[in-house]
Amino acid sequence: MNMKYSWLVYSIAIILMLAVAGCSVPREGQQTEGTTAVTHTPIPADMTCAIWSKTAAYSYNGFAFSFNQKNPPMFINYTVIPKNVTVNRVYTENGKTVTLTESEYSTSSWFEVTVIDNSTGDIVLQDGFGAGKGYPIYTTRTLKILKSGDLVVQLKGNDITAGATVWIKPHGNYEESQIPDFASCMNWEGSRDTMPVAPTTTVSGVIYTWTPENQITG
C-alpha cells in the first residue's frame, strides 16, 4: 500500500475511534451534555423594565408592592377608568332657560398612589387622580420616584378601575448574573407625556334624576 493511501486509512480510523468514544466537537449553538447555556438579551443601562403590574376595580380598597431600589429612578405608570355621572346645567340665553345634561367624572371616583420609605415611614410621593381628593383628572399619568432604598408602593381608590405598572432599571438593581427575563422594557424618560382630559359628553334635551353629590346648576 503506498504512503498516500496509508495516511488516508489511518485518518479514517482515528475519526471512527473518536466518534465511538463520543469525543465529537459540538456544532455552533449546540449544548454539550451536563452544561446549561443561560443567555439574556442585553438591556441598555438607561432602560427601565416592568417588574409589577396590577389592574383592579377599586371600592375603598388597595394593594401594595415593595422593592429595594438601588439605582433610581422608579416609574409608576397608571391608566384609570373613572365613574361617570350625569349632571344638569341650567343656562339663561337670550331670555330663555336652557338645561343641558352633561356627563363628567364623579367626585367619588379617585385613585391614589403613595410611595413610602419603609425604613423611616416617610411618604416619598403621593399623587393620583380625582378632583374630590385634590388631584388632577388626567386618565393616564407616569410618576417618577428618585428615592433609593426599601420602598413600598401603595395603590388605593374608590369608584374607579385602574391599571398601574412599576418600572425600574435592571442595571444597578440586579446582579448581572441574576437579571431575569423581562416581558416589557422601555425608556420612560422620553415617554412621559400625559393624555389630555377626556372631553365631557353633552346631551341636550334629556333630564336625569341626580343625587346632591353630582347636582350642578349654573
N, C-alpha and C. Protein backbone atom coordinates (compact mmCIF):
# COMPACT_ATOMS: atom_id res chain seq x y z
N MET A 1 0.87 -1.19 0.00
CA MET A 1 0.00 0.00 0.00
C MET A 1 0.90 1.23 0.00
N ASN A 2 0.61 2.17 -0.95
CA ASN A 2 1.51 3.32 -0.97
C ASN A 2 1.21 4.26 0.18
N MET A 3 2.13 5.24 0.36
CA MET A 3 2.06 6.13 1.53
C MET A 3 0.79 6.97 1.55
N LYS A 4 0.33 7.43 0.37
CA LYS A 4 -0.86 8.31 0.31
C LYS A 4 -2.08 7.59 0.87
N TYR A 5 -2.32 6.35 0.45
CA TYR A 5 -3.50 5.62 0.91
C TYR A 5 -3.34 5.16 2.35
N SER A 6 -2.12 4.96 2.79
CA SER A 6 -1.89 4.58 4.19
C SER A 6 -2.33 5.69 5.13
N TRP A 7 -1.99 6.91 4.80
CA TRP A 7 -2.40 8.04 5.63
C TRP A 7 -3.93 8.21 5.62
N LEU A 8 -4.54 7.97 4.48
CA LEU A 8 -6.00 8.11 4.38
C LEU A 8 -6.69 7.09 5.28
N VAL A 9 -6.23 5.84 5.23
CA VAL A 9 -6.82 4.81 6.07
C VAL A 9 -6.58 5.10 7.54
N TYR A 10 -5.40 5.58 7.84
CA TYR A 10 -5.06 5.90 9.24
C TYR A 10 -5.96 7.03 9.77
N SER A 11 -6.21 8.06 8.94
CA SER A 11 -7.03 9.20 9.35
C SER A 11 -8.47 8.78 9.59
N ILE A 12 -9.01 7.92 8.69
CA ILE A 12 -10.38 7.44 8.85
C ILE A 12 -10.52 6.64 10.13
N ALA A 13 -9.51 5.84 10.43
CA ALA A 13 -9.55 5.03 11.65
C ALA A 13 -9.60 5.90 12.90
N ILE A 14 -8.83 6.98 12.92
CA ILE A 14 -8.83 7.88 14.08
C ILE A 14 -10.19 8.55 14.25
N ILE A 15 -10.81 8.99 13.13
CA ILE A 15 -12.12 9.65 13.20
C ILE A 15 -13.16 8.69 13.74
N LEU A 16 -13.12 7.42 13.30
CA LEU A 16 -14.09 6.43 13.79
C LEU A 16 -13.91 6.17 15.27
N MET A 17 -12.66 6.13 15.72
CA MET A 17 -12.40 5.92 17.16
C MET A 17 -12.94 7.07 17.99
N LEU A 18 -12.76 8.31 17.53
CA LEU A 18 -13.26 9.47 18.28
C LEU A 18 -14.78 9.48 18.32
N ALA A 19 -15.40 9.09 17.20
CA ALA A 19 -16.87 9.07 17.15
C ALA A 19 -17.42 8.05 18.13
N VAL A 20 -16.79 6.86 18.17
CA VAL A 20 -17.24 5.82 19.09
C VAL A 20 -17.07 6.26 20.52
N ALA A 21 -16.00 7.00 20.80
CA ALA A 21 -15.72 7.45 22.16
C ALA A 21 -16.58 8.64 22.56
N GLY A 22 -17.35 9.22 21.61
CA GLY A 22 -18.21 10.37 21.93
C GLY A 22 -17.45 11.66 22.03
N CYS A 23 -16.31 11.76 21.42
CA CYS A 23 -15.48 12.97 21.53
C CYS A 23 -15.65 13.86 20.32
N SER A 24 -16.86 13.96 19.80
CA SER A 24 -17.10 14.84 18.66
C SER A 24 -17.24 16.27 19.15
N VAL A 25 -16.91 17.21 18.31
CA VAL A 25 -16.99 18.64 18.64
C VAL A 25 -18.40 19.12 18.40
N PRO A 26 -19.06 19.77 19.37
CA PRO A 26 -20.44 20.24 19.18
C PRO A 26 -20.53 21.32 18.13
N ARG A 27 -21.64 21.32 17.39
CA ARG A 27 -21.87 22.36 16.41
C ARG A 27 -22.14 23.68 17.12
N GLU A 28 -22.04 24.78 16.37
CA GLU A 28 -22.27 26.10 16.94
C GLU A 28 -23.68 26.20 17.49
N GLY A 29 -23.83 26.63 18.74
CA GLY A 29 -25.13 26.76 19.37
C GLY A 29 -25.61 25.50 20.03
N GLN A 30 -24.88 24.36 19.82
CA GLN A 30 -25.28 23.10 20.42
C GLN A 30 -24.70 22.99 21.82
N GLN A 31 -25.53 22.54 22.78
CA GLN A 31 -25.07 22.36 24.16
C GLN A 31 -24.49 20.97 24.33
N THR A 32 -23.40 20.88 25.08
CA THR A 32 -22.84 19.59 25.41
C THR A 32 -23.51 19.06 26.67
N GLU A 33 -23.50 17.74 26.82
CA GLU A 33 -24.17 17.12 27.95
C GLU A 33 -23.58 17.61 29.27
N GLY A 34 -24.49 17.95 30.22
CA GLY A 34 -24.02 18.37 31.54
C GLY A 34 -23.80 19.86 31.66
N THR A 35 -24.07 20.63 30.59
CA THR A 35 -23.90 22.08 30.66
C THR A 35 -25.23 22.74 30.32
N THR A 36 -25.45 23.93 30.88
CA THR A 36 -26.67 24.70 30.62
C THR A 36 -26.27 26.09 30.15
N ALA A 37 -26.76 26.47 28.99
CA ALA A 37 -26.44 27.79 28.46
C ALA A 37 -27.54 28.76 28.86
N VAL A 38 -27.20 29.79 29.60
CA VAL A 38 -28.16 30.80 30.04
C VAL A 38 -27.76 32.11 29.39
N THR A 39 -28.64 32.64 28.56
CA THR A 39 -28.35 33.89 27.88
C THR A 39 -29.47 34.88 28.15
N HIS A 40 -29.13 36.15 28.22
CA HIS A 40 -30.11 37.22 28.42
C HIS A 40 -29.93 38.24 27.31
N THR A 41 -31.03 38.78 26.86
CA THR A 41 -30.95 39.86 25.88
C THR A 41 -30.36 41.09 26.56
N PRO A 42 -29.31 41.65 26.01
CA PRO A 42 -28.70 42.82 26.65
C PRO A 42 -29.71 43.95 26.81
N ILE A 43 -29.73 44.57 27.98
CA ILE A 43 -30.63 45.67 28.28
C ILE A 43 -29.79 46.93 28.48
N PRO A 44 -30.04 48.00 27.72
CA PRO A 44 -29.27 49.23 27.91
C PRO A 44 -29.36 49.74 29.34
N ALA A 45 -28.31 50.41 29.79
CA ALA A 45 -28.24 50.85 31.18
C ALA A 45 -29.32 51.85 31.54
N ASP A 46 -29.82 52.62 30.56
CA ASP A 46 -30.84 53.63 30.87
C ASP A 46 -32.26 53.11 30.64
N MET A 47 -32.40 51.83 30.30
CA MET A 47 -33.72 51.27 30.02
C MET A 47 -34.40 50.80 31.31
N THR A 48 -35.71 51.02 31.40
CA THR A 48 -36.48 50.53 32.54
C THR A 48 -37.37 49.38 32.10
N CYS A 49 -37.64 48.46 33.02
CA CYS A 49 -38.46 47.29 32.71
C CYS A 49 -39.55 47.12 33.76
N ALA A 50 -40.68 46.57 33.33
CA ALA A 50 -41.82 46.37 34.23
C ALA A 50 -41.56 45.20 35.16
N ILE A 51 -41.70 45.44 36.47
CA ILE A 51 -41.48 44.37 37.45
C ILE A 51 -42.74 44.01 38.22
N TRP A 52 -43.78 44.83 38.12
CA TRP A 52 -45.03 44.53 38.84
C TRP A 52 -46.16 45.31 38.20
N SER A 53 -47.32 44.67 38.09
CA SER A 53 -48.47 45.32 37.48
C SER A 53 -49.75 44.84 38.16
N LYS A 54 -50.71 45.77 38.29
CA LYS A 54 -51.98 45.43 38.93
C LYS A 54 -53.11 46.21 38.28
N THR A 55 -54.13 45.48 37.85
CA THR A 55 -55.36 46.11 37.33
C THR A 55 -56.52 45.62 38.18
N ALA A 56 -57.31 46.55 38.68
CA ALA A 56 -58.39 46.16 39.59
C ALA A 56 -59.47 47.23 39.61
N ALA A 57 -60.66 46.83 40.05
CA ALA A 57 -61.75 47.75 40.34
C ALA A 57 -61.67 48.10 41.82
N TYR A 58 -61.62 49.39 42.12
CA TYR A 58 -61.41 49.84 43.50
C TYR A 58 -62.71 50.33 44.12
N SER A 59 -62.90 49.93 45.36
CA SER A 59 -64.03 50.38 46.16
C SER A 59 -63.55 50.51 47.61
N TYR A 60 -62.81 51.57 47.86
CA TYR A 60 -62.16 51.82 49.15
C TYR A 60 -61.28 50.63 49.56
N ASN A 61 -60.57 50.08 48.59
CA ASN A 61 -59.63 49.00 48.87
C ASN A 61 -58.27 49.36 48.27
N GLY A 62 -57.29 48.50 48.44
CA GLY A 62 -55.98 48.82 47.92
C GLY A 62 -55.05 47.62 47.86
N PHE A 63 -53.86 47.86 47.28
CA PHE A 63 -52.83 46.85 47.12
C PHE A 63 -51.48 47.49 47.41
N ALA A 64 -50.47 46.65 47.67
CA ALA A 64 -49.14 47.18 47.98
C ALA A 64 -48.08 46.30 47.34
N PHE A 65 -46.95 46.93 47.03
CA PHE A 65 -45.81 46.25 46.43
C PHE A 65 -44.55 46.90 46.99
N SER A 66 -43.53 46.10 47.30
CA SER A 66 -42.29 46.64 47.86
C SER A 66 -41.11 46.27 46.97
N PHE A 67 -40.11 47.16 46.95
CA PHE A 67 -38.90 46.92 46.16
C PHE A 67 -37.76 47.73 46.76
N ASN A 68 -36.60 47.09 46.87
CA ASN A 68 -35.41 47.77 47.38
C ASN A 68 -34.66 48.38 46.20
N GLN A 69 -34.89 49.67 45.99
CA GLN A 69 -34.32 50.34 44.83
C GLN A 69 -32.90 50.84 45.13
N LYS A 70 -31.97 50.37 44.31
CA LYS A 70 -30.57 50.78 44.46
C LYS A 70 -30.15 51.78 43.40
N ASN A 71 -30.78 51.71 42.25
CA ASN A 71 -30.42 52.60 41.15
C ASN A 71 -31.67 53.29 40.62
N PRO A 72 -32.02 54.49 41.17
CA PRO A 72 -33.20 55.22 40.70
C PRO A 72 -32.99 55.65 39.24
N PRO A 73 -34.09 56.08 38.58
CA PRO A 73 -35.42 56.27 39.15
C PRO A 73 -36.33 55.06 38.97
N MET A 74 -37.43 55.09 39.72
CA MET A 74 -38.55 54.18 39.53
C MET A 74 -39.68 54.97 38.87
N PHE A 75 -40.39 54.34 37.94
CA PHE A 75 -41.55 54.97 37.32
C PHE A 75 -42.79 54.16 37.63
N ILE A 76 -43.88 54.86 37.91
CA ILE A 76 -45.18 54.22 38.11
C ILE A 76 -46.14 54.82 37.09
N ASN A 77 -46.54 54.00 36.15
CA ASN A 77 -47.45 54.44 35.09
C ASN A 77 -48.84 53.87 35.36
N TYR A 78 -49.86 54.73 35.28
CA TYR A 78 -51.22 54.22 35.52
C TYR A 78 -52.21 54.79 34.53
N THR A 79 -53.26 54.03 34.30
CA THR A 79 -54.40 54.45 33.48
C THR A 79 -55.67 54.13 34.25
N VAL A 80 -56.59 55.09 34.31
CA VAL A 80 -57.81 54.91 35.09
C VAL A 80 -59.05 55.03 34.21
N ILE A 81 -60.09 54.32 34.63
CA ILE A 81 -61.43 54.45 34.02
C ILE A 81 -62.36 54.90 35.14
N PRO A 82 -62.63 56.19 35.22
CA PRO A 82 -63.44 56.71 36.34
C PRO A 82 -64.92 56.40 36.17
N LYS A 83 -65.64 56.61 37.25
CA LYS A 83 -67.09 56.52 37.22
C LYS A 83 -67.64 57.82 36.64
N ASN A 84 -68.55 57.70 35.68
CA ASN A 84 -69.18 58.88 35.10
C ASN A 84 -70.55 59.12 35.72
N VAL A 85 -70.90 60.37 35.88
CA VAL A 85 -72.23 60.74 36.37
C VAL A 85 -72.83 61.78 35.43
N THR A 86 -74.15 61.91 35.48
CA THR A 86 -74.81 62.92 34.67
C THR A 86 -75.23 64.09 35.56
N VAL A 87 -75.04 65.28 35.05
CA VAL A 87 -75.40 66.48 35.81
C VAL A 87 -76.21 67.41 34.91
N ASN A 88 -77.11 68.15 35.50
CA ASN A 88 -77.90 69.12 34.76
C ASN A 88 -77.33 70.52 34.98
N ARG A 89 -77.03 71.21 33.91
CA ARG A 89 -76.55 72.60 33.98
C ARG A 89 -77.63 73.50 33.35
N VAL A 90 -78.01 74.53 34.06
CA VAL A 90 -79.06 75.45 33.60
C VAL A 90 -78.41 76.75 33.16
N TYR A 91 -78.71 77.16 31.91
CA TYR A 91 -78.15 78.38 31.36
C TYR A 91 -79.31 79.31 30.95
N THR A 92 -79.07 80.59 31.03
CA THR A 92 -80.03 81.57 30.52
C THR A 92 -79.41 82.24 29.31
N GLU A 93 -80.09 82.10 28.18
CA GLU A 93 -79.56 82.64 26.93
C GLU A 93 -80.67 83.33 26.16
N ASN A 94 -80.48 84.63 25.92
CA ASN A 94 -81.48 85.44 25.22
C ASN A 94 -82.85 85.36 25.89
N GLY A 95 -82.83 85.38 27.22
CA GLY A 95 -84.07 85.36 27.97
C GLY A 95 -84.70 84.00 28.10
N LYS A 96 -84.05 82.99 27.54
CA LYS A 96 -84.59 81.63 27.62
C LYS A 96 -83.73 80.77 28.54
N THR A 97 -84.39 79.90 29.28
CA THR A 97 -83.68 78.98 30.16
C THR A 97 -83.41 77.67 29.43
N VAL A 98 -82.17 77.30 29.39
CA VAL A 98 -81.76 76.08 28.69
C VAL A 98 -81.12 75.13 29.69
N THR A 99 -81.57 73.90 29.67
CA THR A 99 -80.99 72.87 30.53
C THR A 99 -80.20 71.89 29.69
N LEU A 100 -78.93 71.74 30.02
CA LEU A 100 -78.08 70.78 29.34
C LEU A 100 -77.71 69.66 30.31
N THR A 101 -77.77 68.44 29.83
CA THR A 101 -77.36 67.30 30.64
C THR A 101 -75.97 66.87 30.17
N GLU A 102 -75.02 66.85 31.09
CA GLU A 102 -73.65 66.53 30.75
C GLU A 102 -73.16 65.32 31.54
N SER A 103 -72.19 64.64 30.96
CA SER A 103 -71.55 63.51 31.63
C SER A 103 -70.15 63.94 32.06
N GLU A 104 -69.82 63.69 33.31
CA GLU A 104 -68.49 64.04 33.81
C GLU A 104 -68.08 63.05 34.89
N TYR A 105 -66.83 63.19 35.36
CA TYR A 105 -66.33 62.26 36.36
C TYR A 105 -66.95 62.52 37.72
N SER A 106 -67.33 61.47 38.39
CA SER A 106 -67.89 61.59 39.72
C SER A 106 -66.83 62.05 40.71
N THR A 107 -67.23 62.89 41.65
CA THR A 107 -66.29 63.33 42.69
C THR A 107 -65.95 62.21 43.67
N SER A 108 -66.71 61.11 43.62
CA SER A 108 -66.41 59.97 44.48
C SER A 108 -65.40 59.02 43.82
N SER A 109 -65.03 59.32 42.58
CA SER A 109 -64.12 58.47 41.83
C SER A 109 -62.69 59.00 41.97
N TRP A 110 -61.81 58.21 42.59
CA TRP A 110 -60.42 58.64 42.77
C TRP A 110 -59.47 57.45 42.82
N PHE A 111 -58.21 57.74 42.52
CA PHE A 111 -57.15 56.73 42.57
C PHE A 111 -55.90 57.40 43.14
N GLU A 112 -55.26 56.73 44.08
CA GLU A 112 -54.13 57.35 44.78
C GLU A 112 -52.92 56.42 44.82
N VAL A 113 -51.77 56.97 44.48
CA VAL A 113 -50.50 56.24 44.55
C VAL A 113 -49.66 56.86 45.67
N THR A 114 -49.27 56.04 46.63
CA THR A 114 -48.43 56.51 47.73
C THR A 114 -47.17 55.65 47.77
N VAL A 115 -46.01 56.32 47.78
CA VAL A 115 -44.72 55.63 47.90
C VAL A 115 -44.13 55.98 49.26
N ILE A 116 -43.80 54.97 50.05
CA ILE A 116 -43.33 55.15 51.42
C ILE A 116 -41.93 54.56 51.57
N ASP A 117 -41.07 55.29 52.27
CA ASP A 117 -39.76 54.76 52.65
C ASP A 117 -39.99 53.81 53.83
N ASN A 118 -39.81 52.53 53.60
CA ASN A 118 -40.15 51.53 54.61
C ASN A 118 -39.27 51.63 55.85
N SER A 119 -38.06 52.17 55.72
CA SER A 119 -37.15 52.24 56.86
C SER A 119 -37.48 53.40 57.80
N THR A 120 -38.09 54.45 57.27
CA THR A 120 -38.39 55.63 58.09
C THR A 120 -39.89 55.88 58.23
N GLY A 121 -40.70 55.33 57.32
CA GLY A 121 -42.13 55.61 57.33
C GLY A 121 -42.49 56.90 56.63
N ASP A 122 -41.50 57.61 56.09
CA ASP A 122 -41.77 58.89 55.41
C ASP A 122 -42.46 58.64 54.07
N ILE A 123 -43.37 59.54 53.71
CA ILE A 123 -44.03 59.49 52.41
C ILE A 123 -43.12 60.15 51.38
N VAL A 124 -42.68 59.38 50.41
CA VAL A 124 -41.79 59.88 49.37
C VAL A 124 -42.60 60.59 48.29
N LEU A 125 -43.75 60.03 47.94
CA LEU A 125 -44.61 60.60 46.90
C LEU A 125 -46.05 60.19 47.17
N GLN A 126 -46.97 61.12 46.91
CA GLN A 126 -48.40 60.82 46.99
C GLN A 126 -49.12 61.64 45.93
N ASP A 127 -49.71 60.96 44.98
CA ASP A 127 -50.34 61.64 43.86
C ASP A 127 -51.40 60.71 43.27
N GLY A 128 -52.14 61.22 42.28
CA GLY A 128 -53.14 60.36 41.68
C GLY A 128 -54.18 61.10 40.88
N PHE A 129 -55.37 60.50 40.81
CA PHE A 129 -56.48 61.02 40.01
C PHE A 129 -57.65 61.34 40.92
N GLY A 130 -58.37 62.44 40.60
CA GLY A 130 -59.64 62.70 41.27
C GLY A 130 -59.74 64.07 41.90
N ALA A 131 -60.67 64.87 41.39
CA ALA A 131 -60.87 66.21 41.93
C ALA A 131 -61.33 66.16 43.37
N GLY A 132 -62.08 65.13 43.74
CA GLY A 132 -62.56 65.02 45.11
C GLY A 132 -61.45 64.85 46.12
N LYS A 133 -60.28 64.38 45.67
CA LYS A 133 -59.11 64.22 46.54
C LYS A 133 -58.08 65.31 46.32
N GLY A 134 -58.42 66.27 45.47
CA GLY A 134 -57.48 67.35 45.19
C GLY A 134 -56.43 67.01 44.15
N TYR A 135 -56.63 65.93 43.38
CA TYR A 135 -55.68 65.53 42.36
C TYR A 135 -56.20 65.94 40.98
N PRO A 136 -55.32 66.03 39.98
CA PRO A 136 -55.78 66.33 38.62
C PRO A 136 -56.61 65.17 38.06
N ILE A 137 -57.22 65.39 36.91
CA ILE A 137 -58.09 64.37 36.33
C ILE A 137 -57.54 63.88 34.99
N TYR A 138 -56.23 63.68 34.93
CA TYR A 138 -55.63 63.01 33.79
C TYR A 138 -55.90 61.51 33.91
N THR A 139 -56.38 60.92 32.84
CA THR A 139 -56.70 59.50 32.91
C THR A 139 -55.47 58.61 32.78
N THR A 140 -54.38 59.17 32.30
CA THR A 140 -53.11 58.44 32.22
C THR A 140 -51.98 59.34 32.69
N ARG A 141 -51.15 58.80 33.59
CA ARG A 141 -50.00 59.58 34.09
C ARG A 141 -48.83 58.65 34.36
N THR A 142 -47.64 59.24 34.42
CA THR A 142 -46.44 58.50 34.80
C THR A 142 -45.72 59.28 35.88
N LEU A 143 -45.57 58.67 37.06
CA LEU A 143 -44.92 59.30 38.20
C LEU A 143 -43.48 58.82 38.31
N LYS A 144 -42.59 59.70 38.73
CA LYS A 144 -41.16 59.40 38.81
C LYS A 144 -40.69 59.47 40.25
N ILE A 145 -40.00 58.43 40.72
CA ILE A 145 -39.50 58.38 42.10
C ILE A 145 -37.98 58.29 42.07
N LEU A 146 -37.31 59.29 42.63
CA LEU A 146 -35.85 59.36 42.61
C LEU A 146 -35.22 58.80 43.88
N LYS A 147 -36.05 58.44 44.86
CA LYS A 147 -35.53 57.96 46.14
C LYS A 147 -35.04 56.52 46.01
N SER A 148 -33.91 56.24 46.63
CA SER A 148 -33.42 54.87 46.70
C SER A 148 -33.75 54.30 48.08
N GLY A 149 -33.64 52.99 48.22
CA GLY A 149 -33.93 52.35 49.50
C GLY A 149 -35.10 51.39 49.40
N ASP A 150 -35.54 50.91 50.54
CA ASP A 150 -36.64 49.95 50.63
C ASP A 150 -37.95 50.72 50.50
N LEU A 151 -38.57 50.65 49.34
CA LEU A 151 -39.77 51.44 49.04
C LEU A 151 -41.00 50.56 48.99
N VAL A 152 -42.10 51.10 49.50
CA VAL A 152 -43.40 50.42 49.45
C VAL A 152 -44.33 51.27 48.59
N VAL A 153 -44.90 50.67 47.56
CA VAL A 153 -45.84 51.35 46.68
C VAL A 153 -47.25 50.90 47.06
N GLN A 154 -48.09 51.86 47.47
CA GLN A 154 -49.46 51.56 47.84
C GLN A 154 -50.42 52.14 46.80
N LEU A 155 -51.38 51.33 46.38
CA LEU A 155 -52.41 51.76 45.44
C LEU A 155 -53.76 51.68 46.13
N LYS A 156 -54.51 52.79 46.11
CA LYS A 156 -55.83 52.82 46.72
C LYS A 156 -56.78 53.57 45.79
N GLY A 157 -58.09 53.32 45.97
CA GLY A 157 -59.04 54.03 45.14
C GLY A 157 -60.48 53.72 45.51
N ASN A 158 -61.39 54.40 44.80
CA ASN A 158 -62.83 54.19 45.01
C ASN A 158 -63.58 54.56 43.75
N ASP A 159 -64.61 53.79 43.45
CA ASP A 159 -65.46 54.03 42.27
C ASP A 159 -64.62 54.22 41.00
N ILE A 160 -63.64 53.33 40.80
CA ILE A 160 -62.74 53.51 39.67
C ILE A 160 -62.08 52.16 39.34
N THR A 161 -61.76 51.99 38.08
CA THR A 161 -60.93 50.87 37.65
C THR A 161 -59.59 51.43 37.21
N ALA A 162 -58.52 50.86 37.72
CA ALA A 162 -57.19 51.40 37.44
C ALA A 162 -56.20 50.28 37.18
N GLY A 163 -55.31 50.54 36.24
CA GLY A 163 -54.20 49.64 35.97
C GLY A 163 -52.91 50.40 36.22
N ALA A 164 -52.01 49.85 37.03
CA ALA A 164 -50.75 50.51 37.37
C ALA A 164 -49.60 49.53 37.19
N THR A 165 -48.47 50.04 36.68
CA THR A 165 -47.28 49.23 36.46
C THR A 165 -46.07 49.93 37.03
N VAL A 166 -45.22 49.16 37.73
CA VAL A 166 -43.98 49.69 38.31
C VAL A 166 -42.82 49.32 37.40
N TRP A 167 -41.99 50.33 37.07
CA TRP A 167 -40.86 50.14 36.18
C TRP A 167 -39.57 50.53 36.90
N ILE A 168 -38.53 49.71 36.75
CA ILE A 168 -37.22 50.02 37.36
C ILE A 168 -36.11 49.71 36.34
N LYS A 169 -34.90 50.21 36.65
CA LYS A 169 -33.74 49.87 35.83
C LYS A 169 -33.17 48.54 36.28
N PRO A 170 -33.06 47.56 35.38
CA PRO A 170 -32.41 46.31 35.79
C PRO A 170 -30.96 46.52 36.22
N HIS A 171 -30.23 47.36 35.47
CA HIS A 171 -28.83 47.62 35.80
C HIS A 171 -28.75 48.42 37.10
N GLY A 172 -27.97 47.91 38.00
CA GLY A 172 -27.80 48.57 39.29
C GLY A 172 -28.75 48.08 40.35
N ASN A 173 -29.86 47.46 39.92
CA ASN A 173 -30.83 46.92 40.86
C ASN A 173 -30.75 45.40 40.97
N TYR A 174 -30.15 44.76 39.95
CA TYR A 174 -29.94 43.32 39.97
C TYR A 174 -28.47 43.04 39.67
N GLU A 175 -27.94 41.97 40.23
CA GLU A 175 -26.64 41.50 39.82
C GLU A 175 -26.73 41.04 38.36
N GLU A 176 -25.65 41.26 37.61
CA GLU A 176 -25.68 40.91 36.19
C GLU A 176 -26.07 39.46 35.96
N SER A 177 -25.60 38.58 36.82
CA SER A 177 -25.89 37.15 36.66
C SER A 177 -27.30 36.79 37.10
N GLN A 178 -28.02 37.74 37.71
CA GLN A 178 -29.34 37.45 38.24
C GLN A 178 -30.44 38.24 37.53
N ILE A 179 -30.08 38.95 36.47
CA ILE A 179 -31.09 39.73 35.75
C ILE A 179 -32.10 38.78 35.12
N PRO A 180 -33.37 38.89 35.50
CA PRO A 180 -34.38 37.98 34.94
C PRO A 180 -34.78 38.42 33.53
N ASP A 181 -35.56 37.59 32.88
CA ASP A 181 -36.10 37.95 31.58
C ASP A 181 -37.33 38.83 31.79
N PHE A 182 -37.37 39.98 31.12
CA PHE A 182 -38.47 40.92 31.29
C PHE A 182 -39.39 40.87 30.07
N ALA A 183 -40.68 40.94 30.32
CA ALA A 183 -41.66 40.89 29.23
C ALA A 183 -41.80 42.24 28.55
N SER A 184 -41.51 43.34 29.29
CA SER A 184 -41.72 44.67 28.72
C SER A 184 -40.68 45.63 29.25
N CYS A 185 -39.97 46.32 28.33
CA CYS A 185 -38.98 47.33 28.70
C CYS A 185 -39.14 48.54 27.79
N MET A 186 -38.85 49.72 28.33
CA MET A 186 -38.91 50.94 27.54
C MET A 186 -38.19 52.05 28.28
N ASN A 187 -37.98 53.15 27.58
CA ASN A 187 -37.33 54.32 28.18
C ASN A 187 -38.40 55.34 28.53
N TRP A 188 -38.77 55.39 29.82
CA TRP A 188 -39.82 56.31 30.24
C TRP A 188 -39.36 57.75 30.29
N GLU A 189 -38.05 57.99 30.34
CA GLU A 189 -37.56 59.37 30.43
C GLU A 189 -38.06 60.21 29.27
N GLY A 190 -38.13 59.61 28.09
CA GLY A 190 -38.57 60.36 26.93
C GLY A 190 -40.00 60.08 26.53
N SER A 191 -40.76 59.39 27.38
CA SER A 191 -42.12 58.98 27.01
C SER A 191 -43.12 59.25 28.12
N ARG A 192 -42.99 60.37 28.79
CA ARG A 192 -43.83 60.62 29.95
C ARG A 192 -44.98 61.58 29.66
N ASP A 193 -45.37 61.70 28.41
CA ASP A 193 -46.49 62.57 28.06
C ASP A 193 -47.77 62.04 28.67
N THR A 194 -48.59 62.93 29.18
CA THR A 194 -49.86 62.51 29.75
C THR A 194 -50.98 62.78 28.76
N MET A 195 -51.97 61.92 28.78
CA MET A 195 -53.10 62.09 27.88
C MET A 195 -53.97 63.26 28.33
N PRO A 196 -54.55 64.00 27.40
CA PRO A 196 -55.43 65.09 27.81
C PRO A 196 -56.68 64.55 28.49
N VAL A 197 -57.31 65.43 29.25
CA VAL A 197 -58.55 65.05 29.93
C VAL A 197 -59.60 64.71 28.89
N ALA A 198 -60.29 63.60 29.09
CA ALA A 198 -61.34 63.20 28.15
C ALA A 198 -62.44 64.26 28.13
N PRO A 199 -62.89 64.70 26.96
CA PRO A 199 -63.95 65.71 26.90
C PRO A 199 -65.26 65.18 27.45
N THR A 200 -66.03 66.06 28.06
CA THR A 200 -67.34 65.66 28.59
C THR A 200 -68.33 65.49 27.44
N THR A 201 -69.26 64.60 27.64
CA THR A 201 -70.29 64.36 26.63
C THR A 201 -71.55 65.13 27.01
N THR A 202 -72.00 65.98 26.13
CA THR A 202 -73.18 66.81 26.40
C THR A 202 -74.37 66.29 25.58
N VAL A 203 -75.46 66.04 26.27
CA VAL A 203 -76.67 65.58 25.62
C VAL A 203 -77.77 66.61 25.90
N SER A 204 -78.31 67.22 24.86
CA SER A 204 -79.30 68.27 25.02
C SER A 204 -80.71 67.69 25.06
N GLY A 205 -81.55 68.27 25.92
CA GLY A 205 -82.95 67.91 25.95
C GLY A 205 -83.26 66.68 26.77
N VAL A 206 -82.29 66.14 27.53
CA VAL A 206 -82.53 64.96 28.35
C VAL A 206 -82.36 65.34 29.81
N ILE A 207 -83.36 65.01 30.61
CA ILE A 207 -83.33 65.33 32.04
C ILE A 207 -83.18 64.03 32.83
N TYR A 208 -82.19 63.99 33.71
CA TYR A 208 -81.94 62.81 34.53
C TYR A 208 -82.22 63.14 35.99
N THR A 209 -82.47 62.11 36.76
CA THR A 209 -82.54 62.27 38.21
C THR A 209 -81.13 62.13 38.75
N TRP A 210 -80.73 63.04 39.61
CA TRP A 210 -79.37 63.00 40.14
C TRP A 210 -79.39 63.17 41.64
N THR A 211 -78.28 62.83 42.26
CA THR A 211 -78.14 62.97 43.70
C THR A 211 -77.46 64.28 44.02
N PRO A 212 -77.58 64.79 45.28
CA PRO A 212 -76.93 66.05 45.63
C PRO A 212 -75.43 66.05 45.35
N GLU A 213 -74.82 64.85 45.40
CA GLU A 213 -73.38 64.79 45.17
C GLU A 213 -72.98 65.32 43.81
N ASN A 214 -73.81 65.03 42.77
CA ASN A 214 -73.43 65.47 41.44
C ASN A 214 -74.41 66.49 40.87
N GLN A 215 -75.15 67.16 41.73
CA GLN A 215 -76.07 68.21 41.26
C GLN A 215 -75.30 69.47 41.03
N ILE A 216 -75.27 69.94 39.78
CA ILE A 216 -74.58 71.17 39.43
C ILE A 216 -75.51 72.01 38.58
N THR A 217 -75.79 73.21 39.02
CA THR A 217 -76.63 74.12 38.23
C THR A 217 -75.89 75.44 38.10
N GLY A 218 -76.17 76.18 37.06
CA GLY A 218 -75.48 77.43 36.85
C GLY A 218 -76.43 78.52 36.40
